Amino acid sequence: MGCPDRPSAGDLSFHPLPQASGPGVLDAGGRIGRSFSPERQQTEVSLFKALADHINATRQETQVVIASYSDGARERLTGLIEDEGLADARPIADFRDMPASAPAACS
């Protein structure tokens, strides 16, 4: 049995609006993440260490999902963040494979 308030992967459409745009539209809470602009401008700072630190801090409050443009980009990013100690990242190829957060969990 599926989750009635969770769309199937075929029903997903991403929009830049911070709230649901009408009836039957679910705001999944996704937002544009940090740009890490200050870190990218400093040669002595590890960008991927800063990313791993940010992910670890954010995971204390909520689930973190990082999207990649392609499978190859995902593999490269996975390797880079694993090198910074974030070895428990789990690739998700389909929205339906994403674990539900505890308050909205259903089966």
PDB file of N, CA and C in Angstrom:
ATOM      1  N   MET A   1       0.834  -1.174   0.000  1.00  0.00           N
ATOM      2  CA  MET A   1       0.000   0.000   0.000  1.00  0.00           C
ATOM      3  C   MET A   1       0.881   1.241   0.000  1.00  0.00           C
ATOM      4  N   GLY A   2       0.566   2.205  -0.823  1.00  0.00           N
ATOM      5  CA  GLY A   2       1.368   3.415  -0.942  1.00  0.00           C
ATOM      6  C   GLY A   2       0.975   4.472   0.065  1.00  0.00           C
ATOM      7  N   CYS A   3       1.647   5.562   0.022  1.00  0.00           N
ATOM      8  CA  CYS A   3       1.382   6.684   0.895  1.00  0.00           C
ATOM      9  C   CYS A   3       0.449   7.634   0.146  1.00  0.00           C
ATOM     10  N   PRO A   4      -0.757   7.907   0.627  1.00  0.00           N
ATOM     11  CA  PRO A   4      -1.717   8.693  -0.126  1.00  0.00           C
ATOM     12  C   PRO A   4      -1.290  10.124  -0.396  1.00  0.00           C
ATOM     13  N   ASP A   5      -0.455  10.711   0.458  1.00  0.00           N
ATOM     14  CA  ASP A   5      -0.045  12.088   0.226  1.00  0.00           C
ATOM     15  C   ASP A   5       1.323  12.189  -0.432  1.00  0.00           C
ATOM     16  N   ARG A   6       1.843  11.090  -0.921  1.00  0.00           N
ATOM     17  CA  ARG A   6       3.155  11.062  -1.554  1.00  0.00           C
ATOM     18  C   ARG A   6       2.982  10.668  -3.017  1.00  0.00           C
ATOM     19  N   PRO A   7       3.366  11.533  -3.953  1.00  0.00           N
ATOM     20  CA  PRO A   7       3.146  11.240  -5.363  1.00  0.00           C
ATOM     21  C   PRO A   7       4.049  10.125  -5.856  1.00  0.00           C
ATOM     22  N   SER A   8       3.636   9.482  -6.934  1.00  0.00           N
ATOM     23  CA  SER A   8       4.511   8.495  -7.560  1.00  0.00           C
ATOM     24  C   SER A   8       5.566   9.233  -8.366  1.00  0.00           C
ATOM     25  N   ALA A   9       6.630   8.546  -8.738  1.00  0.00           N
ATOM     26  CA  ALA A   9       7.723   9.172  -9.471  1.00  0.00           C
ATOM     27  C   ALA A   9       7.244   9.768 -10.789  1.00  0.00           C
ATOM     28  N   GLY A  10       6.276   9.143 -11.437  1.00  0.00           N
ATOM     29  CA  GLY A  10       5.769   9.651 -12.703  1.00  0.00           C
ATOM     30  C   GLY A  10       4.959  10.920 -12.557  1.00  0.00           C
ATOM     31  N   ASP A  11       4.520  11.243 -11.343  1.00  0.00           N
ATOM     32  CA  ASP A  11       3.704  12.432 -11.098  1.00  0.00           C
ATOM     33  C   ASP A  11       4.527  13.641 -10.671  1.00  0.00           C
ATOM     34  N   LEU A  12       5.831  13.490 -10.557  1.00  0.00           N
ATOM     35  CA  LEU A  12       6.657  14.574 -10.037  1.00  0.00           C
ATOM     36  C   LEU A  12       6.942  15.643 -11.078  1.00  0.00           C
ATOM     37  N   SER A  13       6.865  16.855 -10.638  1.00  0.00           N
ATOM     38  CA  SER A  13       7.218  18.013 -11.441  1.00  0.00           C
ATOM     39  C   SER A  13       7.825  19.024 -10.484  1.00  0.00           C
ATOM     40  N   PHE A  14       9.005  19.532 -10.791  1.00  0.00           N
ATOM     41  CA  PHE A  14       9.701  20.425  -9.877  1.00  0.00           C
ATOM     42  C   PHE A  14       9.479  21.874 -10.279  1.00  0.00           C
ATOM     43  N   HIS A  15       9.225  22.723  -9.283  1.00  0.00           N
ATOM     44  CA  HIS A  15       8.973  24.134  -9.498  1.00  0.00           C
ATOM     45  C   HIS A  15       9.769  24.957  -8.498  1.00  0.00           C
ATOM     46  N   PRO A  16      10.134  26.174  -8.853  1.00  0.00           N
ATOM     47  CA  PRO A  16      10.923  27.008  -7.938  1.00  0.00           C
ATOM     48  C   PRO A  16      10.105  27.683  -6.849  1.00  0.00           C
ATOM     49  N   LEU A  17       8.791  27.523  -6.867  1.00  0.00           N
ATOM     50  CA  LEU A  17       7.950  28.194  -5.879  1.00  0.00           C
ATOM     51  C   LEU A  17       8.134  27.578  -4.495  1.00  0.00           C
ATOM     52  N   PRO A  18       8.193  28.395  -3.448  1.00  0.00           N
ATOM     53  CA  PRO A  18       8.389  27.866  -2.098  1.00  0.00           C
ATOM     54  C   PRO A  18       7.150  27.240  -1.483  1.00  0.00           C
ATOM     55  N   GLN A  19       6.005  27.323  -2.126  1.00  0.00           N
ATOM     56  CA  GLN A  19       4.805  26.698  -1.597  1.00  0.00           C
ATOM     57  C   GLN A  19       4.018  26.044  -2.720  1.00  0.00           C
ATOM     58  N   ALA A  20       3.146  25.147  -2.348  1.00  0.00           N
ATOM     59  CA  ALA A  20       2.330  24.455  -3.341  1.00  0.00           C
ATOM     60  C   ALA A  20       1.547  25.476  -4.155  1.00  0.00           C
ATOM     61  N   SER A  21       1.473  25.249  -5.470  1.00  0.00           N
ATOM     62  CA  SER A  21       0.876  26.245  -6.364  1.00  0.00           C
ATOM     63  C   SER A  21      -0.607  26.033  -6.624  1.00  0.00           C
ATOM     64  N   GLY A  22      -1.225  25.033  -6.027  1.00  0.00           N
ATOM     65  CA  GLY A  22      -2.651  24.835  -6.249  1.00  0.00           C
ATOM     66  C   GLY A  22      -3.133  23.535  -5.646  1.00  0.00           C
ATOM     67  N   PRO A  23      -4.421  23.235  -5.826  1.00  0.00           N
ATOM     68  CA  PRO A  23      -4.975  21.999  -5.282  1.00  0.00           C
ATOM     69  C   PRO A  23      -4.333  20.773  -5.918  1.00  0.00           C
ATOM     70  N   GLY A  24      -4.101  19.758  -5.107  1.00  0.00           N
ATOM     71  CA  GLY A  24      -3.495  18.531  -5.604  1.00  0.00           C
ATOM     72  C   GLY A  24      -1.989  18.624  -5.797  1.00  0.00           C
ATOM     73  N   VAL A  25      -1.389  19.735  -5.381  1.00  0.00           N
ATOM     74  CA  VAL A  25       0.060  19.922  -5.519  1.00  0.00           C
ATOM     75  C   VAL A  25       0.685  19.785  -4.138  1.00  0.00           C
ATOM     76  N   LEU A  26       1.688  18.949  -4.031  1.00  0.00           N
ATOM     77  CA  LEU A  26       2.350  18.680  -2.764  1.00  0.00           C
ATOM     78  C   LEU A  26       3.672  19.425  -2.703  1.00  0.00           C
ATOM     79  N   ASP A  27       3.895  20.162  -1.643  1.00  0.00           N
ATOM     80  CA  ASP A  27       5.183  20.797  -1.398  1.00  0.00           C
ATOM     81  C   ASP A  27       6.026  19.779  -0.638  1.00  0.00           C
ATOM     82  N   ALA A  28       7.011  19.190  -1.309  1.00  0.00           N
ATOM     83  CA  ALA A  28       7.847  18.160  -0.698  1.00  0.00           C
ATOM     84  C   ALA A  28       8.958  18.751   0.159  1.00  0.00           C
ATOM     85  N   GLY A  29       9.034  20.066   0.233  1.00  0.00           N
ATOM     86  CA  GLY A  29      10.005  20.706   1.108  1.00  0.00           C
ATOM     87  C   GLY A  29      11.373  20.919   0.486  1.00  0.00           C
ATOM     88  N   GLY A  30      11.541  20.590  -0.773  1.00  0.00           N
ATOM     89  CA  GLY A  30      12.832  20.781  -1.425  1.00  0.00           C
ATOM     90  C   GLY A  30      13.140  22.256  -1.638  1.00  0.00           C
ATOM     91  N   ARG A  31      14.343  22.637  -1.412  1.00  0.00           N
ATOM     92  CA  ARG A  31      14.777  24.017  -1.594  1.00  0.00           C
ATOM     93  C   ARG A  31      16.164  24.023  -2.220  1.00  0.00           C
ATOM     94  N   ILE A  32      16.495  25.118  -2.862  1.00  0.00           N
ATOM     95  CA  ILE A  32      17.840  25.276  -3.405  1.00  0.00           C
ATOM     96  C   ILE A  32      18.799  25.337  -2.231  1.00  0.00           C
ATOM     97  N   GLY A  33      19.854  24.573  -2.311  1.00  0.00           N
ATOM     98  CA  GLY A  33      20.818  24.496  -1.211  1.00  0.00           C
ATOM     99  C   GLY A  33      21.859  25.591  -1.253  1.00  0.00           C
ATOM    100  N   ARG A  34      22.821  25.482  -0.383  1.00  0.00           N
ATOM    101  CA  ARG A  34      23.926  26.447  -0.316  1.00  0.00           C
ATOM    102  C   ARG A  34      24.739  26.417  -1.591  1.00  0.00           C
ATOM    103  N   SER A  35      25.297  27.550  -1.949  1.00  0.00           N
ATOM    104  CA  SER A  35      26.158  27.619  -3.136  1.00  0.00           C
ATOM    105  C   SER A  35      27.630  27.381  -2.793  1.00  0.00           C
ATOM    106  N   PHE A  36      27.985  27.513  -1.529  1.00  0.00           N
ATOM    107  CA  PHE A  36      29.371  27.369  -1.060  1.00  0.00           C
ATOM    108  C   PHE A  36      30.305  28.349  -1.767  1.00  0.00           C
ATOM    109  N   SER A  37      29.778  29.497  -2.123  1.00  0.00           N
ATOM    110  CA  SER A  37      30.569  30.519  -2.809  1.00  0.00           C
ATOM    111  C   SER A  37      31.788  30.966  -2.003  1.00  0.00           C
ATOM    112  N   PRO A  38      31.651  31.253  -0.703  1.00  0.00           N
ATOM    113  CA  PRO A  38      32.843  31.655   0.055  1.00  0.00           C
ATOM    114  C   PRO A  38      33.928  30.570   0.068  1.00  0.00           C
ATOM    115  N   GLU A  39      33.503  29.313   0.209  1.00  0.00           N
ATOM    116  CA  GLU A  39      34.465  28.210   0.240  1.00  0.00           C
ATOM    117  C   GLU A  39      35.151  28.036  -1.119  1.00  0.00           C
ATOM    118  N   ARG A  40      34.412  28.229  -2.185  1.00  0.00           N
ATOM    119  CA  ARG A  40      34.995  28.061  -3.523  1.00  0.00           C
ATOM    120  C   ARG A  40      36.020  29.141  -3.845  1.00  0.00           C
ATOM    121  N   GLN A  41      35.942  30.266  -3.162  1.00  0.00           N
ATOM    122  CA  GLN A  41      36.881  31.362  -3.413  1.00  0.00           C
ATOM    123  C   GLN A  41      38.157  31.249  -2.589  1.00  0.00           C
ATOM    124  N   GLN A  42      38.202  30.305  -1.648  1.00  0.00           N
ATOM    125  CA  GLN A  42      39.364  30.159  -0.782  1.00  0.00           C
ATOM    126  C   GLN A  42      40.136  28.898  -1.165  1.00  0.00           C
ATOM    127  N   THR A  43      41.367  29.067  -1.587  1.00  0.00           N
ATOM    128  CA  THR A  43      42.161  27.924  -2.041  1.00  0.00           C
ATOM    129  C   THR A  43      42.543  26.976  -0.907  1.00  0.00           C
ATOM    130  N   GLU A  44      42.631  27.477   0.335  1.00  0.00           N
ATOM    131  CA  GLU A  44      43.043  26.625   1.446  1.00  0.00           C
ATOM    132  C   GLU A  44      41.879  25.866   2.082  1.00  0.00           C
ATOM    133  N   VAL A  45      40.659  26.056   1.588  1.00  0.00           N
ATOM    134  CA  VAL A  45      39.475  25.394   2.138  1.00  0.00           C
ATOM    135  C   VAL A  45      39.051  24.257   1.212  1.00  0.00           C
ATOM    136  N   SER A  46      38.780  23.104   1.787  1.00  0.00           N
ATOM    137  CA  SER A  46      38.288  21.967   1.011  1.00  0.00           C
ATOM    138  C   SER A  46      36.781  22.118   0.803  1.00  0.00           C
ATOM    139  N   LEU A  47      36.364  22.293  -0.429  1.00  0.00           N
ATOM    140  CA  LEU A  47      34.955  22.458  -0.754  1.00  0.00           C
ATOM    141  C   LEU A  47      34.143  21.246  -0.311  1.00  0.00           C
ATOM    142  N   PHE A  48      34.658  20.052  -0.547  1.00  0.00           N
ATOM    143  CA  PHE A  48      33.899  18.847  -0.216  1.00  0.00           C
ATOM    144  C   PHE A  48      33.901  18.553   1.283  1.00  0.00           C
ATOM    145  N   LYS A  49      34.898  19.024   1.999  1.00  0.00           N
ATOM    146  CA  LYS A  49      34.875  18.949   3.463  1.00  0.00           C
ATOM    147  C   LYS A  49      33.790  19.886   3.988  1.00  0.00           C
ATOM    148  N   ALA A  50      33.701  21.084   3.412  1.00  0.00           N
ATOM    149  CA  ALA A  50      32.651  22.026   3.809  1.00  0.00           C
ATOM    150  C   ALA A  50      31.269  21.445   3.496  1.00  0.00           C
ATOM    151  N   LEU A  51      31.140  20.781   2.349  1.00  0.00           N
ATOM    152  CA  LEU A  51      29.876  20.138   1.991  1.00  0.00           C
ATOM    153  C   LEU A  51      29.533  19.036   2.983  1.00  0.00           C
ATOM    154  N   ALA A  52      30.503  18.187   3.301  1.00  0.00           N
ATOM    155  CA  ALA A  52      30.262  17.095   4.257  1.00  0.00           C
ATOM    156  C   ALA A  52      29.866  17.647   5.623  1.00  0.00           C
ATOM    157  N   ASP A  53      30.535  18.712   6.070  1.00  0.00           N
ATOM    158  CA  ASP A  53      30.184  19.330   7.356  1.00  0.00           C
ATOM    159  C   ASP A  53      28.761  19.879   7.315  1.00  0.00           C
ATOM    160  N   HIS A  54      28.405  20.506   6.221  1.00  0.00           N
ATOM    161  CA  HIS A  54      27.053  21.069   6.070  1.00  0.00           C
ATOM    162  C   HIS A  54      25.998  19.951   6.068  1.00  0.00           C
ATOM    163  N   ILE A  55      26.281  18.871   5.362  1.00  0.00           N
ATOM    164  CA  ILE A  55      25.350  17.732   5.327  1.00  0.00           C
ATOM    165  C   ILE A  55      25.183  17.153   6.730  1.00  0.00           C
ATOM    166  N   ASN A  56      26.287  16.945   7.431  1.00  0.00           N
ATOM    167  CA  ASN A  56      26.205  16.387   8.789  1.00  0.00           C
ATOM    168  C   ASN A  56      25.402  17.283   9.725  1.00  0.00           C
ATOM    169  N   ALA A  57      25.593  18.594   9.625  1.00  0.00           N
ATOM    170  CA  ALA A  57      24.846  19.526  10.476  1.00  0.00           C
ATOM    171  C   ALA A  57      23.364  19.523  10.107  1.00  0.00           C
ATOM    172  N   THR A  58      23.061  19.506   8.837  1.00  0.00           N
ATOM    173  CA  THR A  58      21.672  19.544   8.378  1.00  0.00           C
ATOM    174  C   THR A  58      20.947  18.248   8.724  1.00  0.00           C
ATOM    175  N   ARG A  59      21.660  17.128   8.673  1.00  0.00           N
ATOM    176  CA  ARG A  59      21.050  15.832   8.984  1.00  0.00           C
ATOM    177  C   ARG A  59      20.609  15.728  10.433  1.00  0.00           C
ATOM    178  N   GLN A  60      21.105  16.594  11.299  1.00  0.00           N
ATOM    179  CA  GLN A  60      20.665  16.597  12.692  1.00  0.00           C
ATOM    180  C   GLN A  60      19.215  17.063  12.805  1.00  0.00           C
ATOM    181  N   GLU A  61      18.758  17.823  11.798  1.00  0.00           N
ATOM    182  CA  GLU A  61      17.414  18.392  11.835  1.00  0.00           C
ATOM    183  C   GLU A  61      16.458  17.782  10.823  1.00  0.00           C
ATOM    184  N   THR A  62      16.975  17.309   9.691  1.00  0.00           N
ATOM    185  CA  THR A  62      16.097  16.841   8.626  1.00  0.00           C
ATOM    186  C   THR A  62      16.833  15.882   7.704  1.00  0.00           C
ATOM    187  N   GLN A  63      16.105  15.265   6.842  1.00  0.00           N
ATOM    188  CA  GLN A  63      16.667  14.371   5.825  1.00  0.00           C
ATOM    189  C   GLN A  63      17.338  15.211   4.738  1.00  0.00           C
ATOM    190  N   VAL A  64      18.450  14.751   4.211  1.00  0.00           N
ATOM    191  CA  VAL A  64      19.180  15.476   3.174  1.00  0.00           C
ATOM    192  C   VAL A  64      19.161  14.654   1.894  1.00  0.00           C
ATOM    193  N   VAL A  65      18.796  15.308   0.803  1.00  0.00           N
ATOM    194  CA  VAL A  65      18.822  14.688  -0.522  1.00  0.00           C
ATOM    195  C   VAL A  65      19.662  15.573  -1.424  1.00  0.00           C
ATOM    196  N   ILE A  66      20.629  14.982  -2.107  1.00  0.00           N
ATOM    197  CA  ILE A  66      21.467  15.707  -3.055  1.00  0.00           C
ATOM    198  C   ILE A  66      21.171  15.157  -4.441  1.00  0.00           C
ATOM    199  N   ALA A  67      20.785  16.021  -5.342  1.00  0.00           N
ATOM    200  CA  ALA A  67      20.468  15.606  -6.709  1.00  0.00           C
ATOM    201  C   ALA A  67      21.684  15.806  -7.604  1.00  0.00           C
ATOM    202  N   SER A  68      21.848  14.909  -8.567  1.00  0.00           N
ATOM    203  CA  SER A  68      22.930  14.995  -9.541  1.00  0.00           C
ATOM    204  C   SER A  68      22.350  14.977 -10.942  1.00  0.00           C
ATOM    205  N   TYR A  69      23.090  15.549 -11.858  1.00  0.00           N
ATOM    206  CA  TYR A  69      22.641  15.642 -13.235  1.00  0.00           C
ATOM    207  C   TYR A  69      22.609  14.291 -13.945  1.00  0.00           C
ATOM    208  N   SER A  70      23.533  13.424 -13.585  1.00  0.00           N
ATOM    209  CA  SER A  70      23.627  12.126 -14.265  1.00  0.00           C
ATOM    210  C   SER A  70      24.136  11.069 -13.294  1.00  0.00           C
ATOM    211  N   ASP A  71      24.076   9.805 -13.725  1.00  0.00           N
ATOM    212  CA  ASP A  71      24.620   8.720 -12.896  1.00  0.00           C
ATOM    213  C   ASP A  71      26.111   8.904 -12.677  1.00  0.00           C
ATOM    214  N   GLY A  72      26.821   9.332 -13.713  1.00  0.00           N
ATOM    215  CA  GLY A  72      28.264   9.555 -13.585  1.00  0.00           C
ATOM    216  C   GLY A  72      28.583  10.655 -12.593  1.00  0.00           C
ATOM    217  N   ALA A  73      27.804  11.742 -12.637  1.00  0.00           N
ATOM    218  CA  ALA A  73      28.003  12.834 -11.683  1.00  0.00           C
ATOM    219  C   ALA A  73      27.712  12.361 -10.267  1.00  0.00           C
ATOM    220  N   ARG A  74      26.688  11.522 -10.119  1.00  0.00           N
ATOM    221  CA  ARG A  74      26.353  10.995  -8.795  1.00  0.00           C
ATOM    222  C   ARG A  74      27.492  10.129  -8.266  1.00  0.00           C
ATOM    223  N   GLU A  75      28.061   9.274  -9.110  1.00  0.00           N
ATOM    224  CA  GLU A  75      29.171   8.427  -8.676  1.00  0.00           C
ATOM    225  C   GLU A  75      30.377   9.262  -8.262  1.00  0.00           C
ATOM    226  N   ARG A  76      30.672  10.299  -9.024  1.00  0.00           N
ATOM    227  CA  ARG A  76      31.814  11.166  -8.703  1.00  0.00           C
ATOM    228  C   ARG A  76      31.576  11.894  -7.383  1.00  0.00           C
ATOM    229  N   LEU A  77      30.390  12.469  -7.216  1.00  0.00           N
ATOM    230  CA  LEU A  77      30.069  13.188  -5.984  1.00  0.00           C
ATOM    231  C   LEU A  77      30.073  12.248  -4.785  1.00  0.00           C
ATOM    232  N   THR A  78      29.545  11.044  -4.960  1.00  0.00           N
ATOM    233  CA  THR A  78      29.553  10.057  -3.885  1.00  0.00           C
ATOM    234  C   THR A  78      30.982   9.776  -3.430  1.00  0.00           C
ATOM    235  N   GLY A  79      31.885   9.580  -4.381  1.00  0.00           N
ATOM    236  CA  GLY A  79      33.276   9.334  -4.039  1.00  0.00           C
ATOM    237  C   GLY A  79      33.920  10.501  -3.315  1.00  0.00           C
ATOM    238  N   LEU A  80      33.620  11.709  -3.762  1.00  0.00           N
ATOM    239  CA  LEU A  80      34.215  12.895  -3.137  1.00  0.00           C
ATOM    240  C   LEU A  80      33.736  13.087  -1.706  1.00  0.00           C
ATOM    241  N   ILE A  81      32.450  12.863  -1.452  1.00  0.00           N
ATOM    242  CA  ILE A  81      31.984  13.048  -0.078  1.00  0.00           C
ATOM    243  C   ILE A  81      32.349  11.860   0.815  1.00  0.00           C
ATOM    244  N   GLU A  82      32.494  10.676   0.217  1.00  0.00           N
ATOM    245  CA  GLU A  82      32.993   9.540   1.009  1.00  0.00           C
ATOM    246  C   GLU A  82      34.419   9.802   1.463  1.00  0.00           C
ATOM    247  N   ASP A  83      35.225  10.436   0.612  1.00  0.00           N
ATOM    248  CA  ASP A  83      36.597  10.788   0.976  1.00  0.00           C
ATOM    249  C   ASP A  83      36.636  11.738   2.174  1.00  0.00           C
ATOM    250  N   GLU A  84      35.555  12.469   2.406  1.00  0.00           N
ATOM    251  CA  GLU A  84      35.481  13.407   3.532  1.00  0.00           C
ATOM    252  C   GLU A  84      34.777  12.799   4.745  1.00  0.00           C
ATOM    253  N   GLY A  85      34.601  11.475   4.737  1.00  0.00           N
ATOM    254  CA  GLY A  85      34.061  10.794   5.905  1.00  0.00           C
ATOM    255  C   GLY A  85      32.553  10.599   5.907  1.00  0.00           C
ATOM    256  N   LEU A  86      31.897  10.901   4.812  1.00  0.00           N
ATOM    257  CA  LEU A  86      30.447  10.731   4.738  1.00  0.00           C
ATOM    258  C   LEU A  86      30.158   9.437   3.990  1.00  0.00           C
ATOM    259  N   ALA A  87      30.544   8.328   4.591  1.00  0.00           N
ATOM    260  CA  ALA A  87      30.473   7.036   3.912  1.00  0.00           C
ATOM    261  C   ALA A  87      29.091   6.401   3.921  1.00  0.00           C
ATOM    262  N   ASP A  88      28.153   6.956   4.670  1.00  0.00           N
ATOM    263  CA  ASP A  88      26.832   6.331   4.747  1.00  0.00           C
ATOM    264  C   ASP A  88      25.828   6.915   3.759  1.00  0.00           C
ATOM    265  N   ALA A  89      26.297   7.684   2.786  1.00  0.00           N
ATOM    266  CA  ALA A  89      25.399   8.206   1.749  1.00  0.00           C
ATOM    267  C   ALA A  89      24.859   7.041   0.933  1.00  0.00           C
ATOM    268  N   ARG A  90      23.585   7.103   0.606  1.00  0.00           N
ATOM    269  CA  ARG A  90      22.940   6.021  -0.116  1.00  0.00           C
ATOM    270  C   ARG A  90      22.379   6.528  -1.432  1.00  0.00           C
ATOM    271  N   PRO A  91      22.831   5.975  -2.555  1.00  0.00           N
ATOM    272  CA  PRO A  91      22.283   6.413  -3.849  1.00  0.00           C
ATOM    273  C   PRO A  91      20.805   6.026  -3.978  1.00  0.00           C
ATOM    274  N   ILE A  92      20.017   6.938  -4.484  1.00  0.00           N
ATOM    275  CA  ILE A  92      18.599   6.690  -4.721  1.00  0.00           C
ATOM    276  C   ILE A  92      18.320   7.035  -6.177  1.00  0.00           C
ATOM    277  N   ALA A  93      17.979   6.029  -6.962  1.00  0.00           N
ATOM    278  CA  ALA A  93      17.749   6.234  -8.389  1.00  0.00           C
ATOM    279  C   ALA A  93      16.296   6.596  -8.694  1.00  0.00           C
ATOM    280  N   ASP A  94      15.412   6.374  -7.734  1.00  0.00           N
ATOM    281  CA  ASP A  94      13.988   6.588  -7.957  1.00  0.00           C
ATOM    282  C   ASP A  94      13.379   7.206  -6.703  1.00  0.00           C
ATOM    283  N   PHE A  95      12.512   8.179  -6.872  1.00  0.00           N
ATOM    284  CA  PHE A  95      11.864   8.844  -5.744  1.00  0.00           C
ATOM    285  C   PHE A  95      11.203   7.858  -4.794  1.00  0.00           C
ATOM    286  N   ARG A  96      10.656   6.788  -5.331  1.00  0.00           N
ATOM    287  CA  ARG A  96       9.966   5.796  -4.498  1.00  0.00           C
ATOM    288  C   ARG A  96      10.914   5.064  -3.562  1.00  0.00           C
ATOM    289  N   ASP A  97      12.226   5.103  -3.833  1.00  0.00           N
ATOM    290  CA  ASP A  97      13.213   4.455  -2.970  1.00  0.00           C
ATOM    291  C   ASP A  97      13.639   5.338  -1.800  1.00  0.00           C
ATOM    292  N   MET A  98      13.210   6.593  -1.790  1.00  0.00           N
ATOM    293  CA  MET A  98      13.600   7.515  -0.739  1.00  0.00           C
ATOM    294  C   MET A  98      12.833   7.187   0.535  1.00  0.00           C
ATOM    295  N   PRO A  99      13.527   7.011   1.652  1.00  0.00           N
ATOM    296  CA  PRO A  99      12.816   6.716   2.892  1.00  0.00           C
ATOM    297  C   PRO A  99      11.951   7.890   3.307  1.00  0.00           C
ATOM    298  N   ALA A 100      10.774   7.585   3.792  1.00  0.00           N
ATOM    299  CA  ALA A 100       9.880   8.634   4.283  1.00  0.00           C
ATOM    300  C   ALA A 100      10.417   9.151   5.602  1.00  0.00           C
ATOM    301  N   SER A 101      10.219  10.421   5.879  1.00  0.00           N
ATOM    302  CA  SER A 101      10.622  10.950   7.174  1.00  0.00           C
ATOM    303  C   SER A 101       9.680  10.378   8.234  1.00  0.00           C
ATOM    304  N   ALA A 102      10.130  10.345   9.452  1.00  0.00           N
ATOM    305  CA  ALA A 102       9.360   9.684  10.517  1.00  0.00           C
ATOM    306  C   ALA A 102       7.928  10.192  10.664  1.00  0.00           C
ATOM    307  N   PRO A 103       7.662  11.518  10.682  1.00  0.00           N
ATOM    308  CA  PRO A 103       6.278  11.936  10.893  1.00  0.00           C
ATOM    309  C   PRO A 103       5.343  11.572   9.742  1.00  0.00           C
ATOM    310  N   ALA A 104       5.874  11.482   8.517  1.00  0.00           N
ATOM    311  CA  ALA A 104       5.014  11.212   7.370  1.00  0.00           C
ATOM    312  C   ALA A 104       5.111   9.765   6.900  1.00  0.00           C
ATOM    313  N   ALA A 105       5.757   8.916   7.690  1.00  0.00           N
ATOM    314  CA  ALA A 105       5.971   7.530   7.264  1.00  0.00           C
ATOM    315  C   ALA A 105       4.647   6.787   7.107  1.00  0.00           C
ATOM    316  N   CYS A 106       4.557   5.999   6.085  1.00  0.00           N
ATOM    317  CA  CYS A 106       3.427   5.106   5.884  1.00  0.00           C
ATOM    318  C   CYS A 106       3.893   3.945   5.029  1.00  0.00           C
ATOM    319  N   SER A 107       3.139   2.878   4.995  1.00  0.00           N
ATOM    320  CA  SER A 107       3.564   1.726   4.188  1.00  0.00           C
ATOM    321  C   SER A 107       2.450   1.245   3.307  1.00  0.00           C
TER     322      SER A 107
END
